[in-house]
Amino acid sequence: MKATVIENFLTEDELFDIEKGFRANTDTKLWIEPILWLPGEQAQALYCYPGPSYKNKLCDSINEKINVVFGKNECDNWHILNGYRPYGIHTDSLDDIVDAHIHSLPDGYEFGWTFLIPLDDYDTNTIVFNEGSARTKLSNNWIEHESRVPQHSISKDIYQQYLTHESEELISYFSIDIIFPWKKGNLLAMPRTSFHCSDNFAIKKIFEKRALIGWSLLPL
């Protein structure tokens, strides 16, 4: 499984219908993700999850297109991300130390794909790294518990352009697979085990970016 980009995966009309579905149903669920290491600071993101009245319709319509390209995936948690602050380097798998009880895998499955589809054009990017882990969500835990050593493969120019919300020391442990610009309707598919992060969009005075997100499972 390698990170893949498909341009114009969803049309303007399809994106409009998806947005309409989230807004038209009163059982849409909202969850604010705090920044745990900055108590009292601005929220990291707001997630919108479809309620029972819309969830099956949403998942069926998107998964039909997803499975044509990526084979059989089980993805029943499509949601909208409203991102307010840049995410640091992480995976969408689990972390045995921090939150295995939240992200543990059901029996008979392995981690599949993270799907990301921007809902508008934004001057921002998602950076996908070559490194990954199925057992560690947080980059610092991965470095410590797998005794990783620095690679120094990312240039200072790339660091300054995209990654200044992370320390140069942390960045030295990673190498870049792809940089995905946020263009409306394009699809980024990356293994959930891949380390990835936002660029530092906050320094460009972008207060919010929005995307449709899905995390899939693959039957063993």
Protein backbone atom coordinates (compact mmCIF):
# COMPACT_ATOMS: atom_id res chain seq x y z
CA MET A 1 0.00 0.00 0.00
CA LYS A 2 1.49 3.30 -1.15
CA ALA A 3 0.10 6.79 -0.83
CA THR A 4 -2.00 7.57 -3.89
CA VAL A 5 -3.54 10.76 -5.30
CA ILE A 6 -6.56 10.76 -7.62
CA GLU A 7 -7.56 14.10 -9.10
CA ASN A 8 -11.23 15.07 -9.35
CA PHE A 9 -12.33 11.99 -7.42
CA LEU A 10 -15.55 13.72 -6.36
CA THR A 11 -17.37 16.24 -8.55
CA GLU A 12 -18.74 19.62 -7.49
CA ASP A 13 -22.25 18.15 -7.49
CA GLU A 14 -21.19 15.17 -5.34
CA LEU A 15 -19.47 17.43 -2.82
CA PHE A 16 -22.53 19.70 -2.71
CA ASP A 17 -24.81 16.74 -1.99
CA ILE A 18 -22.48 15.52 0.77
CA GLU A 19 -22.39 18.94 2.43
CA LYS A 20 -26.16 19.21 2.09
CA GLY A 21 -26.60 15.83 3.76
CA PHE A 22 -24.55 16.86 6.79
CA ARG A 23 -26.36 20.17 7.15
CA ALA A 24 -29.90 18.94 6.53
CA ASN A 25 -29.99 16.33 9.29
CA THR A 26 -30.40 17.34 12.91
CA ASP A 27 -28.69 14.19 14.22
CA THR A 28 -25.26 15.17 12.87
CA LYS A 29 -22.81 14.77 15.76
CA LEU A 30 -20.12 17.31 16.57
CA TRP A 31 -16.91 16.57 18.45
CA ILE A 32 -14.26 19.14 19.38
CA GLU A 33 -10.72 17.80 19.53
CA PRO A 34 -8.72 19.69 22.18
CA ILE A 35 -4.99 20.26 22.11
CA LEU A 36 -4.14 18.15 25.12
CA TRP A 37 -0.72 19.68 25.67
CA LEU A 38 -2.03 23.26 25.58
CA PRO A 39 -4.82 23.48 28.20
CA GLY A 40 -7.18 26.36 27.59
CA GLU A 41 -5.90 27.00 24.09
CA GLN A 42 -7.87 26.97 20.84
CA ALA A 43 -9.33 23.63 19.75
CA GLN A 44 -7.31 21.53 17.32
CA ALA A 45 -10.30 20.65 15.15
CA LEU A 46 -14.04 20.14 14.97
CA TYR A 47 -15.29 16.81 13.60
CA CYS A 48 -18.77 16.36 12.12
CA TYR A 49 -20.10 12.79 12.10
CA PRO A 50 -23.26 11.83 10.22
CA GLY A 51 -26.10 10.59 12.36
CA PRO A 52 -28.21 7.49 11.62
CA SER A 53 -30.45 9.38 9.19
CA TYR A 54 -27.58 10.03 6.77
CA LYS A 55 -24.68 7.74 7.68
CA ASN A 56 -25.60 4.69 5.57
CA LYS A 57 -26.41 6.77 2.50
CA LEU A 58 -23.13 8.68 2.79
CA CYS A 59 -20.97 5.60 3.35
CA ASP A 60 -22.64 3.58 0.59
CA SER A 61 -22.25 6.32 -2.01
CA ILE A 62 -18.56 7.03 -1.30
CA ASN A 63 -17.50 3.44 -0.62
CA GLU A 64 -18.90 2.33 -3.96
CA LYS A 65 -16.42 4.62 -5.70
CA ILE A 66 -13.59 3.85 -3.26
CA ASN A 67 -13.86 0.10 -3.70
CA VAL A 68 -13.67 0.32 -7.49
CA VAL A 69 -10.15 1.71 -7.12
CA PHE A 70 -8.87 0.23 -3.85
CA GLY A 71 -10.66 -3.08 -3.59
CA LYS A 72 -12.88 -4.14 -0.72
CA ASN A 73 -12.66 -1.65 2.14
CA GLU A 74 -14.89 -1.34 5.17
CA CYS A 75 -15.20 2.35 5.91
CA ASP A 76 -18.17 3.31 8.05
CA ASN A 77 -16.85 6.44 9.76
CA TRP A 78 -16.73 9.08 7.04
CA HIS A 79 -16.78 12.51 8.61
CA ILE A 80 -15.93 16.15 7.96
CA LEU A 81 -12.80 17.64 9.49
CA ASN A 82 -12.77 21.34 10.28
CA GLY A 83 -9.08 21.89 11.06
CA TYR A 84 -8.06 24.97 13.06
CA ARG A 85 -4.47 24.24 14.05
CA PRO A 86 -1.79 22.24 12.22
CA TYR A 87 -1.55 18.58 13.14
CA GLY A 88 1.85 17.23 14.12
CA ILE A 89 3.34 13.98 12.85
CA HIS A 90 1.15 10.98 13.66
CA THR A 91 -0.41 7.83 12.23
CA ASP A 92 -4.09 6.91 12.10
CA SER A 93 -3.40 3.49 13.60
CA LEU A 94 -3.11 3.12 17.39
CA ASP A 95 -0.71 3.74 20.22
CA ASP A 96 -0.09 0.94 22.71
CA ILE A 97 0.98 3.50 25.30
CA VAL A 98 -1.59 6.26 24.91
CA ASP A 99 -4.91 5.08 23.54
CA ALA A 100 -5.01 1.45 22.49
CA HIS A 101 -8.42 1.14 24.14
CA ILE A 102 -9.80 3.71 21.66
CA HIS A 103 -8.10 2.62 18.45
CA SER A 104 -7.83 -1.15 18.95
CA LEU A 105 -8.58 -3.27 15.90
CA PRO A 106 -11.61 -5.55 15.74
CA ASP A 107 -10.86 -9.23 15.30
CA GLY A 108 -10.25 -10.29 11.70
CA TYR A 109 -9.16 -6.89 10.40
CA GLU A 110 -6.05 -4.86 9.74
CA PHE A 111 -5.64 -1.14 9.24
CA GLY A 112 -6.62 0.03 5.77
CA TRP A 113 -6.52 3.50 4.28
CA THR A 114 -6.90 7.07 5.41
CA PHE A 115 -8.91 8.89 2.75
CA LEU A 116 -8.80 12.70 2.56
CA ILE A 117 -10.86 14.81 0.13
CA PRO A 118 -10.64 18.62 0.52
CA LEU A 119 -13.99 20.41 0.39
CA ASP A 120 -12.45 23.54 -1.11
CA ASP A 121 -9.14 24.82 -2.47
CA TYR A 122 -6.73 25.77 0.32
CA ASP A 123 -3.15 26.99 0.30
CA THR A 124 -2.12 24.07 2.47
CA ASN A 125 -0.73 20.56 2.13
CA THR A 126 -0.65 17.18 3.81
CA ILE A 127 2.82 15.67 4.08
CA VAL A 128 3.02 11.86 3.99
CA PHE A 129 6.24 10.25 5.19
CA ASN A 130 7.80 6.95 4.17
CA GLU A 131 7.92 5.79 7.79
CA GLY A 132 5.01 4.12 9.51
CA SER A 133 3.81 2.02 12.41
CA ALA A 134 0.79 -0.17 13.14
CA ARG A 135 1.42 0.00 16.89
CA THR A 136 2.37 3.61 17.48
CA LYS A 137 0.27 6.68 16.78
CA LEU A 138 2.56 9.35 18.20
CA SER A 139 5.90 10.10 16.56
CA ASN A 140 7.85 10.60 19.78
CA ASN A 141 6.71 7.22 21.11
CA TRP A 142 7.76 5.58 17.84
CA ILE A 143 11.24 7.14 17.99
CA GLU A 144 11.77 6.10 21.60
CA HIS A 145 10.36 2.60 21.59
CA GLU A 146 11.78 1.52 18.23
CA SER A 147 15.17 3.14 18.94
CA ARG A 148 15.08 5.12 15.71
CA VAL A 149 18.07 7.16 14.58
CA PRO A 150 18.01 10.45 12.64
CA GLN A 151 18.17 10.32 8.83
CA HIS A 152 18.53 14.04 8.05
CA SER A 153 16.92 13.46 4.65
CA ILE A 154 14.61 16.52 4.65
CA SER A 155 16.27 19.71 3.48
CA LYS A 156 16.15 22.96 5.41
CA ASP A 157 14.22 24.56 2.53
CA ILE A 158 11.47 21.92 2.75
CA TYR A 159 11.43 22.27 6.52
CA GLN A 160 11.02 26.04 6.31
CA GLN A 161 8.32 25.80 3.67
CA TYR A 162 6.11 23.17 5.30
CA LEU A 163 7.16 21.89 8.71
CA THR A 164 8.07 24.72 11.05
CA HIS A 165 5.32 23.72 13.51
CA GLU A 166 7.54 20.72 14.36
CA SER A 167 11.11 20.80 15.67
CA GLU A 168 14.00 20.23 13.28
CA GLU A 169 15.16 17.46 15.60
CA LEU A 170 11.90 15.55 15.19
CA ILE A 171 11.84 16.08 11.41
CA SER A 172 15.32 14.56 11.16
CA TYR A 173 13.85 11.09 11.82
CA PHE A 174 11.58 11.17 8.76
CA SER A 175 11.71 11.14 4.96
CA ILE A 176 8.97 12.42 2.66
CA ASP A 177 6.85 10.19 0.43
CA ILE A 178 4.50 12.78 -1.09
CA ILE A 179 3.23 16.30 -0.47
CA PHE A 180 -0.48 16.59 -1.23
CA PRO A 181 -1.89 20.06 -2.06
CA TRP A 182 -5.45 20.60 -0.87
CA LYS A 183 -7.48 20.92 -4.08
CA LYS A 184 -11.25 20.57 -3.98
CA GLY A 185 -12.46 17.08 -4.89
CA ASN A 186 -9.01 15.47 -5.18
CA LEU A 187 -8.39 12.32 -3.14
CA LEU A 188 -5.38 11.46 -1.02
CA ALA A 189 -5.31 7.81 0.01
CA MET A 190 -2.53 6.76 2.37
CA PRO A 191 -2.06 3.73 4.62
CA ARG A 192 -3.42 4.43 8.08
CA THR A 193 -0.05 3.26 9.40
CA SER A 194 1.86 5.99 7.53
CA PHE A 195 3.17 8.91 9.54
CA HIS A 196 1.80 12.17 8.17
CA CYS A 197 1.06 15.73 9.21
CA SER A 198 -0.33 19.03 8.08
CA ASP A 199 1.92 21.80 6.87
CA ASN A 200 2.11 24.89 9.07
CA PHE A 201 -0.93 26.56 7.51
CA ALA A 202 -1.41 28.81 10.53
CA ILE A 203 1.51 31.03 9.51
CA LYS A 204 -0.33 31.72 6.22
CA LYS A 205 -3.27 33.15 8.20
CA ILE A 206 -5.55 30.27 7.28
CA PHE A 207 -8.01 29.96 10.16
CA GLU A 208 -9.81 26.84 8.97
CA LYS A 209 -9.54 24.09 6.39
CA ARG A 210 -12.21 21.50 5.70
CA ALA A 211 -12.06 18.01 4.26
CA LEU A 212 -14.01 14.78 4.06
CA ILE A 213 -12.12 12.06 5.95
CA GLY A 214 -12.53 8.31 6.10
CA TRP A 215 -10.56 5.61 7.93
CA SER A 216 -10.97 2.12 6.52
CA LEU A 217 -10.36 -1.43 7.70
CA LEU A 218 -9.32 -4.36 5.53
CA PRO A 219 -10.53 -7.92 6.22
CA LEU A 220 -7.69 -10.38 6.82
